[in-house]
C-alpha atoms as a PDB file:
ATOM      1  CA  UNK A   1      70.766 104.965 116.240  1.00  0.00           C
ATOM      2  CA  UNK A   2      68.823 107.021 118.741  1.00  0.00           C
ATOM      3  CA  UNK A   3      70.270 110.365 117.694  1.00  0.00           C
ATOM      4  CA  UNK A   4      69.528 110.362 113.972  1.00  0.00           C
ATOM      5  CA  UNK A   5      67.793 113.766 113.883  1.00  0.00           C
ATOM      6  CA  UNK A   6      70.541 115.441 115.903  1.00  0.00           C
ATOM      7  CA  UNK A   7      73.269 113.867 113.783  1.00  0.00           C
ATOM      8  CA  UNK A   8      71.461 114.894 110.597  1.00  0.00           C
ATOM      9  CA  UNK A   9      71.488 118.497 111.807  1.00  0.00           C
ATOM     10  CA  UNK A  10      75.265 118.341 112.251  1.00  0.00           C
ATOM     11  CA  UNK A  11      75.728 116.809 108.785  1.00  0.00           C
ATOM     12  CA  UNK A  12      73.486 119.470 107.222  1.00  0.00           C
ATOM     13  CA  UNK A  13      75.425 122.220 108.997  1.00  0.00           C
ATOM     14  CA  UNK A  14      78.771 120.815 107.856  1.00  0.00           C
ATOM     15  CA  UNK A  15      77.483 120.432 104.270  1.00  0.00           C
ATOM     16  CA  UNK A  16      76.571 124.137 104.289  1.00  0.00           C
ATOM     17  CA  UNK A  17      80.247 124.941 104.617  1.00  0.00           C
ATOM     18  CA  UNK A  18      80.804 123.263 101.246  1.00  0.00           C
ATOM     19  CA  UNK A  19      83.841 121.265 100.217  1.00  0.00           C
ATOM     20  CA  UNK A  20      86.922 121.694 102.301  1.00  0.00           C
ATOM     21  CA  UNK A  21      88.284 120.619 105.644  1.00  0.00           C
ATOM     22  CA  UNK A  22      84.843 120.175 107.235  1.00  0.00           C
ATOM     23  CA  UNK A  23      83.709 117.854 104.433  1.00  0.00           C
ATOM     24  CA  UNK A  24      85.922 114.864 105.102  1.00  0.00           C
ATOM     25  CA  UNK A  25      85.640 111.097 104.945  1.00  0.00           C
ATOM     26  CA  UNK A  26      84.320 110.929 108.510  1.00  0.00           C
ATOM     27  CA  UNK A  27      81.459 113.249 107.645  1.00  0.00           C
ATOM     28  CA  UNK A  28      80.682 111.274 104.487  1.00  0.00           C
ATOM     29  CA  UNK A  29      80.786 108.034 106.494  1.00  0.00           C
ATOM     30  CA  UNK A  30      78.364 109.507 109.023  1.00  0.00           C
ATOM     31  CA  UNK A  31      76.073 110.745 106.261  1.00  0.00           C
ATOM     32  CA  UNK A  32      76.176 107.355 104.522  1.00  0.00           C
ATOM     33  CA  UNK A  33      75.351 105.574 107.772  1.00  0.00           C
ATOM     34  CA  UNK A  34      72.430 107.956 108.337  1.00  0.00           C
ATOM     35  CA  UNK A  35      71.024 107.253 104.873  1.00  0.00           C
ATOM     36  CA  UNK A  36      71.388 103.533 105.547  1.00  0.00           C
ATOM     37  CA  UNK A  37      69.438 103.827 108.802  1.00  0.00           C
ATOM     38  CA  UNK A  38      66.776 105.750 106.900  1.00  0.00           C
ATOM     39  CA  UNK A  39      66.693 102.808 104.436  1.00  0.00           C
ATOM     40  CA  UNK A  40      67.824 105.056 101.586  1.00  0.00           C
ATOM     41  CA  UNK A  41      70.371 102.450 100.524  1.00  0.00           C
ATOM     42  CA  UNK A  42      71.169 103.639  96.997  1.00  0.00           C
ATOM     43  CA  UNK A  43      71.853 107.142  98.305  1.00  0.00           C
ATOM     44  CA  UNK A  44      73.956 105.725 101.157  1.00  0.00           C
ATOM     45  CA  UNK A  45      76.024 103.722  98.658  1.00  0.00           C
ATOM     46  CA  UNK A  46      76.582 106.814  96.513  1.00  0.00           C
ATOM     47  CA  UNK A  47      77.809 108.808  99.527  1.00  0.00           C
ATOM     48  CA  UNK A  48      80.099 106.008 100.733  1.00  0.00           C
ATOM     49  CA  UNK A  49      81.510 105.578  97.216  1.00  0.00           C
ATOM     50  CA  UNK A  50      82.216 109.326  97.230  1.00  0.00           C
ATOM     51  CA  UNK A  51      84.114 108.956 100.514  1.00  0.00           C
ATOM     52  CA  UNK A  52      86.256 106.182  99.015  1.00  0.00           C
ATOM     53  CA  UNK A  53      86.986 108.167  95.856  1.00  0.00           C
ATOM     54  CA  UNK A  54      87.774 111.457  97.572  1.00  0.00           C
ATOM     55  CA  UNK A  55      89.666 110.044 100.560  1.00  0.00           C
ATOM     56  CA  UNK A  56      91.255 106.719  99.479  1.00  0.00           C
ATOM     57  CA  UNK A  57      93.741 106.656 102.374  1.00  0.00           C
ATOM     58  CA  UNK A  58      91.346 107.586 105.168  1.00  0.00           C
ATOM     59  CA  UNK A  59      91.983 105.989 108.561  1.00  0.00           C
ATOM     60  CA  UNK A  60      88.414 104.605 108.700  1.00  0.00           C
ATOM     61  CA  UNK A  61      88.448 103.131 105.204  1.00  0.00           C
ATOM     62  CA  UNK A  62      87.669  99.682 106.605  1.00  0.00           C
ATOM     63  CA  UNK A  63      84.503 101.044 108.219  1.00  0.00           C
ATOM     64  CA  UNK A  64      83.501 102.840 105.013  1.00  0.00           C
ATOM     65  CA  UNK A  65      83.977  99.598 103.051  1.00  0.00           C
ATOM     66  CA  UNK A  66      81.963  97.571 105.553  1.00  0.00           C
ATOM     67  CA  UNK A  67      79.144 100.133 105.518  1.00  0.00           C
ATOM     68  CA  UNK A  68      79.182 100.199 101.712  1.00  0.00           C
ATOM     69  CA  UNK A  69      78.973  96.403 101.513  1.00  0.00           C
ATOM     70  CA  UNK A  70      76.112  96.396 103.988  1.00  0.00           C
ATOM     71  CA  UNK A  71      74.012  99.016 102.181  1.00  0.00           C
ATOM     72  CA  UNK A  72      74.701  97.406  98.806  1.00  0.00           C
ATOM     73  CA  UNK A  73      73.292  94.140 100.173  1.00  0.00           C
ATOM     74  CA  UNK A  74      70.277  95.985 101.539  1.00  0.00           C
ATOM     75  CA  UNK A  75      69.814  97.478  98.059  1.00  0.00           C
ATOM     76  CA  UNK A  76      69.913  93.948  96.544  1.00  0.00           C
ATOM     77  CA  UNK A  77      73.271  94.467  94.869  1.00  0.00           C
ATOM     78  CA  UNK A  78      74.823  91.330  96.321  1.00  0.00           C
ATOM     79  CA  UNK A  79      77.517  90.779  93.663  1.00  0.00           C
ATOM     80  CA  UNK A  80      79.033  94.198  94.341  1.00  0.00           C
ATOM     81  CA  UNK A  81      78.432  93.843  98.094  1.00  0.00           C
ATOM     82  CA  UNK A  82      80.463  90.626  98.115  1.00  0.00           C
ATOM     83  CA  UNK A  83      83.217  92.245  96.060  1.00  0.00           C
ATOM     84  CA  UNK A  84      83.447  95.167  98.505  1.00  0.00           C
ATOM     85  CA  UNK A  85      83.250  93.054 101.665  1.00  0.00           C
ATOM     86  CA  UNK A  86      85.715  90.404 100.490  1.00  0.00           C
ATOM     87  CA  UNK A  87      88.098  93.161  99.364  1.00  0.00           C
ATOM     88  CA  UNK A  88      87.767  94.809 102.751  1.00  0.00           C
ATOM     89  CA  UNK A  89      88.577  91.526 104.504  1.00  0.00           C
ATOM     90  CA  UNK A  90      91.624  90.960 102.285  1.00  0.00           C
ATOM     91  CA  UNK A  91      92.943  94.475 102.878  1.00  0.00           C
ATOM     92  CA  UNK A  92      92.023  94.763 106.578  1.00  0.00           C
ATOM     93  CA  UNK A  93      91.961  91.258 108.125  1.00  0.00           C
ATOM     94  CA  UNK A  94      92.513  92.635 111.641  1.00  0.00           C
ATOM     95  CA  UNK A  95      89.880  95.367 111.353  1.00  0.00           C
ATOM     96  CA  UNK A  96      87.381  95.872 114.138  1.00  0.00           C
ATOM     97  CA  UNK A  97      84.789  95.419 111.358  1.00  0.00           C
ATOM     98  CA  UNK A  98      86.221  92.110 110.070  1.00  0.00           C
ATOM     99  CA  UNK A  99      83.930  89.845 112.119  1.00  0.00           C
ATOM    100  CA  UNK A 100      80.852  91.761 110.998  1.00  0.00           C
ATOM    101  CA  UNK A 101      82.071  91.676 107.397  1.00  0.00           C
ATOM    102  CA  UNK A 102      82.641  87.906 107.543  1.00  0.00           C
ATOM    103  CA  UNK A 103      79.150  87.470 108.997  1.00  0.00           C
ATOM    104  CA  UNK A 104      77.677  89.633 106.238  1.00  0.00           C
ATOM    105  CA  UNK A 105      79.523  87.641 103.542  1.00  0.00           C
ATOM    106  CA  UNK A 106      78.164  84.418 105.037  1.00  0.00           C
ATOM    107  CA  UNK A 107      74.677  85.891 105.153  1.00  0.00           C
ATOM    108  CA  UNK A 108      74.844  86.897 101.477  1.00  0.00           C
ATOM    109  CA  UNK A 109      76.274  83.572 100.327  1.00  0.00           C
ATOM    110  CA  UNK A 110      73.896  81.447 102.435  1.00  0.00           C
ATOM    111  CA  UNK A 111      70.640  83.365 102.939  1.00  0.00           C
ATOM    112  CA  UNK A 112      67.758  81.911 104.872  1.00  0.00           C
ATOM    113  CA  UNK A 113      65.081  80.502 102.529  1.00  0.00           C
ATOM    114  CA  UNK A 114      62.509  83.162 103.422  1.00  0.00           C
ATOM    115  CA  UNK A 115      65.027  86.040 103.621  1.00  0.00           C
ATOM    116  CA  UNK A 116      64.031  89.373 102.053  1.00  0.00           C
ATOM    117  CA  UNK A 117      65.121  93.005 102.253  1.00  0.00           C
END
């Protein structure tokens, strides 16, 4: 979180190279996470969806799915967020992101009365 500006510079530099080996799922994941931290949730979701479409077998697909579910919730798209997160849990039950995904699902299904995003 503390190196957003520096990371953004790296993403911008890699994007300048255009499509190809430097534009991979890891870069798209990083860019999506950056947009999420900047609270640009719709843009983050678009980037993470692109990562899933372009690189469906990527080794960090579980992380991409978790991040997508998170930003969708932040963007008040809870039905799709639940679909993504529950799908991620079904496909990757042993993922390092599984506990966070289960917590997020619980949060969406049982929000605090005064909860807002």
